[in-house]
């Protein structure tokens, strides 16, 4: 049970309500501990991070209030985009998220004392929440406790009413900080890629983009995919982006590519292979693609040993 801190009577009541509700949940609440990624192969450079074994999440309770799977994924990705867009070792305010495309479910974040939450906990927790929904196909109202070394450090809620404060109607198409940043995209091939595979690949890639500073230059091939899922995400910086003069392709640009790809897939309701050209001031700085793993180009690039995140039970 929490020792509620400070003089925040309303906030304390909200958190206490969650704790008492959670205490009444079934004793066999599903425990999820996403496995650490495999070792990065020597022939690829990635920015991916490992979820430490000291971190895990636990579903406190869930209700039979169903949501569209794509709505859950897109709104979690909106929250994840906000979480990765800052100092990974710092703190950020708790908030409520939804997108202009999907008003439900609201994705709620909180902490035991209703104060700021460590950004890294929220990044890992949001990815792990998406992991759980996908692995167990439970796209309904639920609350997840985030734990570090057994101590509760935060909360992610999917659906239901807001805990406190207002809700951010997040647009995935918000212009990037660089007004000269442009993306053109096109679908190709006839193979359909499962929605869950596409969105989990995006969520995994966003988590991987979290630790480095936003201005970090990406100068070599960046690849991410989830084991046992058919989708892979690849970015190849152009020769221009690899030079000293630039313009450059940065970690912030990578986050913008992933965010906008989320909206393209959801808006078009098309889940096939996608290729993207990324330009700054009219100069192409990177090519990116979502590929089916059977694509010969992906097989040649990854050579069977790319960076993986396992989704057990999917």
Protein backbone atom coordinates (compact mmCIF):
# COMPACT_ATOMS: atom_id res chain seq x y z
CA UNK A 1 0.00 0.00 0.00
CA UNK A 2 1.22 3.49 -0.78
CA UNK A 3 2.19 6.11 1.74
CA UNK A 4 0.67 9.14 0.07
CA UNK A 5 2.94 12.15 0.14
CA UNK A 6 2.41 15.87 0.31
CA UNK A 7 -0.73 17.94 0.69
CA UNK A 8 -2.60 16.91 -2.42
CA UNK A 9 -6.01 15.77 -1.13
CA UNK A 10 -7.70 15.43 -4.52
CA UNK A 11 -4.71 13.74 -6.11
CA UNK A 12 -4.33 11.47 -3.12
CA UNK A 13 -7.94 10.42 -3.29
CA UNK A 14 -7.58 9.59 -6.98
CA UNK A 15 -4.51 7.43 -6.39
CA UNK A 16 -6.01 5.86 -3.26
CA UNK A 17 -9.10 4.96 -5.29
CA UNK A 18 -6.90 3.21 -7.82
CA UNK A 19 -5.01 1.33 -5.12
CA UNK A 20 -8.22 0.15 -3.40
CA UNK A 21 -9.75 -0.86 -6.71
CA UNK A 22 -6.58 -2.69 -7.69
CA UNK A 23 -6.48 -4.50 -4.35
CA UNK A 24 -9.84 -6.05 -5.20
CA UNK A 25 -8.55 -7.40 -8.53
CA UNK A 26 -8.20 -11.17 -8.98
CA UNK A 27 -5.10 -12.62 -7.36
CA UNK A 28 -3.98 -14.14 -10.65
CA UNK A 29 -3.43 -10.74 -12.29
CA UNK A 30 -1.22 -11.26 -15.29
CA UNK A 31 2.40 -10.31 -14.73
CA UNK A 32 4.33 -9.14 -17.75
CA UNK A 33 8.08 -8.77 -17.96
CA UNK A 34 9.18 -7.97 -21.52
CA UNK A 35 12.44 -9.73 -22.29
CA UNK A 36 15.60 -7.77 -23.00
CA UNK A 37 16.55 -7.44 -26.63
CA UNK A 38 19.21 -9.60 -28.17
CA UNK A 39 22.75 -8.32 -28.58
CA UNK A 40 23.07 -5.82 -31.40
CA UNK A 41 24.79 -7.52 -34.34
CA UNK A 42 28.13 -6.06 -35.31
CA UNK A 43 27.07 -5.23 -38.89
CA UNK A 44 24.23 -2.94 -37.80
CA UNK A 45 24.15 0.26 -35.76
CA UNK A 46 21.01 0.79 -33.73
CA UNK A 47 19.88 3.14 -31.01
CA UNK A 48 17.80 0.49 -29.28
CA UNK A 49 17.72 0.16 -25.53
CA UNK A 50 17.24 -2.78 -23.21
CA UNK A 51 14.42 -2.87 -20.66
CA UNK A 52 16.31 -3.67 -17.44
CA UNK A 53 15.29 -6.83 -15.60
CA UNK A 54 14.55 -4.66 -12.55
CA UNK A 55 11.56 -3.16 -14.38
CA UNK A 56 8.24 -4.89 -14.92
CA UNK A 57 4.53 -4.13 -15.12
CA UNK A 58 1.51 -5.82 -13.61
CA UNK A 59 -2.07 -5.60 -14.78
CA UNK A 60 -4.05 -4.51 -11.75
CA UNK A 61 -7.50 -4.97 -13.21
CA UNK A 62 -9.41 -4.90 -16.45
CA UNK A 63 -13.05 -4.38 -17.39
CA UNK A 64 -15.02 -5.66 -20.37
CA UNK A 65 -15.09 -2.26 -22.07
CA UNK A 66 -13.74 -3.00 -25.55
CA UNK A 67 -11.74 -0.64 -27.74
CA UNK A 68 -10.55 -0.87 -31.31
CA UNK A 69 -7.05 -2.41 -31.34
CA UNK A 70 -5.75 0.31 -33.67
CA UNK A 71 -7.15 2.98 -31.34
CA UNK A 72 -5.28 1.49 -28.39
CA UNK A 73 -2.04 1.29 -30.35
CA UNK A 74 -2.26 4.77 -31.89
CA UNK A 75 -3.08 6.52 -28.61
CA UNK A 76 -0.33 4.64 -26.75
CA UNK A 77 2.11 5.63 -29.50
CA UNK A 78 1.02 9.27 -29.08
CA UNK A 79 1.86 9.07 -25.38
CA UNK A 80 5.09 7.25 -26.18
CA UNK A 81 6.08 9.92 -28.67
CA UNK A 82 5.71 12.55 -25.93
CA UNK A 83 7.68 10.41 -23.49
CA UNK A 84 10.65 9.86 -25.82
CA UNK A 85 10.80 13.52 -26.82
CA UNK A 86 13.04 14.66 -24.00
CA UNK A 87 15.82 13.78 -21.56
CA UNK A 88 15.57 10.02 -21.05
CA UNK A 89 17.08 10.30 -17.55
CA UNK A 90 14.86 13.22 -16.52
CA UNK A 91 11.29 13.54 -15.32
CA UNK A 92 8.07 14.58 -17.03
CA UNK A 93 4.58 15.58 -15.92
CA UNK A 94 1.86 12.96 -15.66
CA UNK A 95 -0.79 13.46 -18.34
CA UNK A 96 -3.80 12.11 -20.21
CA UNK A 97 -3.44 11.37 -23.93
CA UNK A 98 -5.66 10.70 -26.89
CA UNK A 99 -5.38 11.53 -30.57
CA UNK A 100 -7.63 13.57 -32.79
CA UNK A 101 -8.10 10.37 -34.78
CA UNK A 102 -9.22 8.24 -31.81
CA UNK A 103 -10.84 10.00 -28.85
CA UNK A 104 -10.97 6.70 -26.93
CA UNK A 105 -9.31 5.10 -25.15
CA UNK A 106 -7.68 7.88 -23.17
CA UNK A 107 -4.17 6.81 -22.14
CA UNK A 108 -3.57 7.96 -18.58
CA UNK A 109 -0.24 8.21 -16.80
CA UNK A 110 0.25 8.77 -13.10
CA UNK A 111 2.63 8.26 -10.19
CA UNK A 112 2.17 7.32 -6.52
CA UNK A 113 2.38 10.93 -5.32
CA UNK A 114 0.73 12.40 -8.44
CA UNK A 115 3.99 14.25 -9.15
CA UNK A 116 6.29 14.00 -12.15
CA UNK A 117 7.32 10.54 -13.29
CA UNK A 118 10.74 9.41 -14.48
CA UNK A 119 10.67 9.50 -18.25
CA UNK A 120 12.44 6.16 -18.66
CA UNK A 121 9.83 4.40 -16.50
CA UNK A 122 7.06 5.81 -18.66
CA UNK A 123 8.80 4.84 -21.92
CA UNK A 124 9.28 1.26 -20.73
CA UNK A 125 5.79 1.17 -19.22
CA UNK A 126 3.99 2.41 -22.33
CA UNK A 127 5.83 -0.04 -24.56
CA UNK A 128 5.13 -2.85 -22.09
CA UNK A 129 1.43 -1.92 -22.01
CA UNK A 130 1.23 -2.15 -25.80
CA UNK A 131 3.17 -5.43 -25.54
CA UNK A 132 0.60 -6.84 -23.12
CA UNK A 133 -2.45 -5.78 -25.16
CA UNK A 134 -0.96 -7.30 -28.29
CA UNK A 135 0.32 -10.51 -26.73
CA UNK A 136 -2.88 -11.32 -24.87
CA UNK A 137 -5.32 -9.67 -27.33
CA UNK A 138 -7.01 -7.81 -24.47
CA UNK A 139 -8.01 -4.50 -26.01
CA UNK A 140 -10.23 -3.20 -23.25
CA UNK A 141 -10.15 -0.94 -20.21
CA UNK A 142 -7.21 -1.85 -18.00
CA UNK A 143 -4.69 -0.40 -15.56
CA UNK A 144 -1.05 -1.36 -15.27
CA UNK A 145 1.27 -0.79 -12.33
CA UNK A 146 4.87 0.11 -13.29
CA UNK A 147 7.47 -1.29 -10.90
CA UNK A 148 11.18 -0.77 -10.40
CA UNK A 149 12.95 -3.26 -8.14
CA UNK A 150 9.55 -4.29 -6.81
CA UNK A 151 8.52 -0.73 -5.87
CA UNK A 152 5.58 0.87 -7.62
CA UNK A 153 6.81 3.90 -9.56
CA UNK A 154 3.96 4.73 -11.91
CA UNK A 155 0.72 3.80 -13.58
CA UNK A 156 -0.56 3.52 -17.14
CA UNK A 157 -4.32 3.35 -17.67
CA UNK A 158 -6.03 2.38 -20.92
CA UNK A 159 -9.54 3.85 -21.13
CA UNK A 160 -11.93 5.05 -18.49
CA UNK A 161 -12.08 8.50 -16.94
CA UNK A 162 -9.12 10.81 -16.46
CA UNK A 163 -7.33 10.67 -13.12
CA UNK A 164 -6.68 14.40 -12.88
CA UNK A 165 -6.08 17.42 -15.08
CA UNK A 166 -7.05 17.82 -18.71
CA UNK A 167 -6.57 15.55 -21.68
CA UNK A 168 -4.16 16.31 -24.52
CA UNK A 169 -5.76 15.84 -27.94
CA UNK A 170 -2.54 14.89 -29.67
CA UNK A 171 -2.23 15.22 -33.44
CA UNK A 172 0.26 12.79 -34.91
CA UNK A 173 0.59 15.15 -37.87
CA UNK A 174 1.84 18.10 -35.79
CA UNK A 175 4.54 19.84 -37.86
CA UNK A 176 8.06 18.91 -36.72
CA UNK A 177 10.35 21.48 -35.15
CA UNK A 178 12.15 21.76 -38.50
CA UNK A 179 9.66 23.33 -40.93
CA UNK A 180 11.78 22.15 -43.89
CA UNK A 181 11.27 18.50 -42.88
CA UNK A 182 9.15 16.62 -45.43
CA UNK A 183 8.07 13.01 -45.95
CA UNK A 184 6.71 11.41 -49.09
CA UNK A 185 5.43 7.86 -48.86
CA UNK A 186 3.87 5.10 -50.91
CA UNK A 187 2.61 1.58 -50.30
CA UNK A 188 3.90 -1.25 -52.43
CA UNK A 189 3.46 -5.00 -52.81
CA UNK A 190 0.34 -7.03 -52.20
CA UNK A 191 1.27 -8.66 -48.88
CA UNK A 192 -0.85 -7.56 -45.96
CA UNK A 193 0.99 -6.99 -42.67
CA UNK A 194 -1.04 -7.45 -39.50
CA UNK A 195 -1.98 -4.19 -37.79
CA UNK A 196 -0.57 -5.33 -34.47
CA UNK A 197 2.77 -6.19 -36.07
CA UNK A 198 3.01 -2.74 -37.68
CA UNK A 199 2.18 -0.82 -34.51
CA UNK A 200 4.36 -2.95 -32.23
CA UNK A 201 7.27 -2.39 -34.60
CA UNK A 202 6.67 1.38 -34.35
CA UNK A 203 6.37 1.27 -30.55
CA UNK A 204 9.55 -0.80 -30.27
CA UNK A 205 11.43 1.59 -32.56
CA UNK A 206 10.25 4.62 -30.57
CA UNK A 207 11.46 3.02 -27.35
CA UNK A 208 14.78 2.39 -29.06
CA UNK A 209 15.00 6.05 -30.05
CA UNK A 210 14.44 7.25 -26.48
CA UNK A 211 17.89 7.22 -24.80
CA UNK A 212 20.03 9.30 -27.22
CA UNK A 213 19.64 13.09 -27.26
CA UNK A 214 17.28 14.39 -29.95
CA UNK A 215 20.12 16.03 -31.87
CA UNK A 216 22.08 12.76 -32.23
CA UNK A 217 22.99 12.21 -35.89
CA UNK A 218 22.06 8.87 -37.43
CA UNK A 219 24.77 8.00 -39.94
CA UNK A 220 24.38 4.28 -40.51
CA UNK A 221 21.61 1.77 -41.19
CA UNK A 222 19.01 1.55 -38.40
CA UNK A 223 16.82 -1.54 -38.26
CA UNK A 224 14.20 -2.80 -35.84
CA UNK A 225 11.82 -5.71 -35.82
CA UNK A 226 9.89 -7.88 -33.40
CA UNK A 227 10.63 -11.58 -33.38
CA UNK A 228 7.75 -13.79 -34.55
CA UNK A 229 6.10 -10.79 -36.22
CA UNK A 230 6.19 -10.21 -40.00
CA UNK A 231 7.08 -6.49 -39.99
CA UNK A 232 10.46 -4.75 -39.97
CA UNK A 233 11.38 -1.06 -39.93
CA UNK A 234 14.53 0.11 -41.69
CA UNK A 235 16.14 3.55 -42.08
CA UNK A 236 19.10 4.18 -44.37
CA UNK A 237 20.62 7.69 -44.12
CA UNK A 238 21.67 9.23 -47.42
CA UNK A 239 25.26 10.01 -48.33
CA UNK A 240 24.44 13.68 -47.73
CA UNK A 241 23.35 12.95 -44.16
CA UNK A 242 26.59 11.06 -43.53
CA UNK A 243 28.83 13.99 -44.52
CA UNK A 244 30.16 16.80 -42.37
CA UNK A 245 28.14 19.47 -44.19
CA UNK A 246 24.66 17.92 -43.97
CA UNK A 247 21.73 18.45 -43.76
CA UNK A 248 21.67 15.67 -41.23
CA UNK A 249 19.18 13.00 -40.22
CA UNK A 250 18.80 13.14 -36.44
CA UNK A 251 17.16 11.12 -33.71
CA UNK A 252 14.39 13.74 -33.57
CA UNK A 253 13.79 13.23 -37.29
CA UNK A 254 13.56 9.48 -36.71
CA UNK A 255 10.89 10.04 -34.05
CA UNK A 256 8.95 12.26 -36.46
CA UNK A 257 9.13 9.59 -39.18
CA UNK A 258 7.75 6.94 -36.82
CA UNK A 259 5.02 9.26 -35.53
CA UNK A 260 3.82 10.23 -38.98
CA UNK A 261 3.97 6.65 -40.25
CA UNK A 262 1.59 5.76 -37.42
CA UNK A 263 -0.91 8.29 -38.71
CA UNK A 264 -0.49 7.24 -42.35
CA UNK A 265 -1.29 3.62 -41.55
CA UNK A 266 -4.26 4.50 -39.30
CA UNK A 267 -5.68 7.16 -41.62
CA UNK A 268 -5.38 5.12 -44.80
CA UNK A 269 -6.33 1.85 -43.08
CA UNK A 270 -3.78 0.18 -45.34
CA UNK A 271 -1.35 -2.30 -43.84
CA UNK A 272 1.09 -3.20 -46.56
CA UNK A 273 4.75 -2.47 -47.11
CA UNK A 274 5.54 1.25 -47.11
CA UNK A 275 8.51 3.21 -48.40
CA UNK A 276 9.31 6.79 -47.38
CA UNK A 277 11.67 9.49 -48.58
CA UNK A 278 12.70 11.97 -45.90
CA UNK A 279 13.97 15.37 -47.00
CA UNK A 280 15.16 18.55 -45.34
CA UNK A 281 15.26 21.77 -47.36
CA UNK A 282 14.57 19.71 -50.47
CA UNK A 283 17.55 17.39 -49.88
CA UNK A 284 16.86 13.70 -49.24
CA UNK A 285 18.48 12.76 -45.92
CA UNK A 286 17.09 9.25 -45.45
CA UNK A 287 15.00 6.49 -46.92
CA UNK A 288 12.81 4.50 -44.57
CA UNK A 289 10.58 1.50 -45.05
CA UNK A 290 8.23 -0.88 -43.32
CA UNK A 291 8.94 -4.24 -44.92
CA UNK A 292 7.49 -7.70 -44.77
CA UNK A 293 10.21 -10.00 -43.47
CA UNK A 294 9.89 -12.15 -46.57
CA UNK A 295 11.05 -9.19 -48.67
CA UNK A 296 14.40 -10.11 -50.28
CA UNK A 297 15.71 -6.62 -49.51
CA UNK A 298 15.10 -7.11 -45.81
CA UNK A 299 16.56 -10.60 -45.83
CA UNK A 300 19.71 -9.28 -47.47
CA UNK A 301 19.98 -6.38 -45.04
CA UNK A 302 19.28 -8.26 -41.82
CA UNK A 303 20.89 -11.58 -42.82
CA UNK A 304 18.80 -13.24 -40.12
CA UNK A 305 20.44 -11.51 -37.16
CA UNK A 306 18.78 -8.13 -36.80
CA UNK A 307 17.83 -6.50 -33.56
CA UNK A 308 14.81 -8.30 -32.12
CA UNK A 309 12.22 -7.91 -29.40
CA UNK A 310 10.41 -11.10 -28.54
CA UNK A 311 6.66 -11.10 -27.97
CA UNK A 312 6.02 -14.33 -26.16
CA UNK A 313 2.50 -15.60 -26.41
CA UNK A 314 1.68 -13.53 -29.49
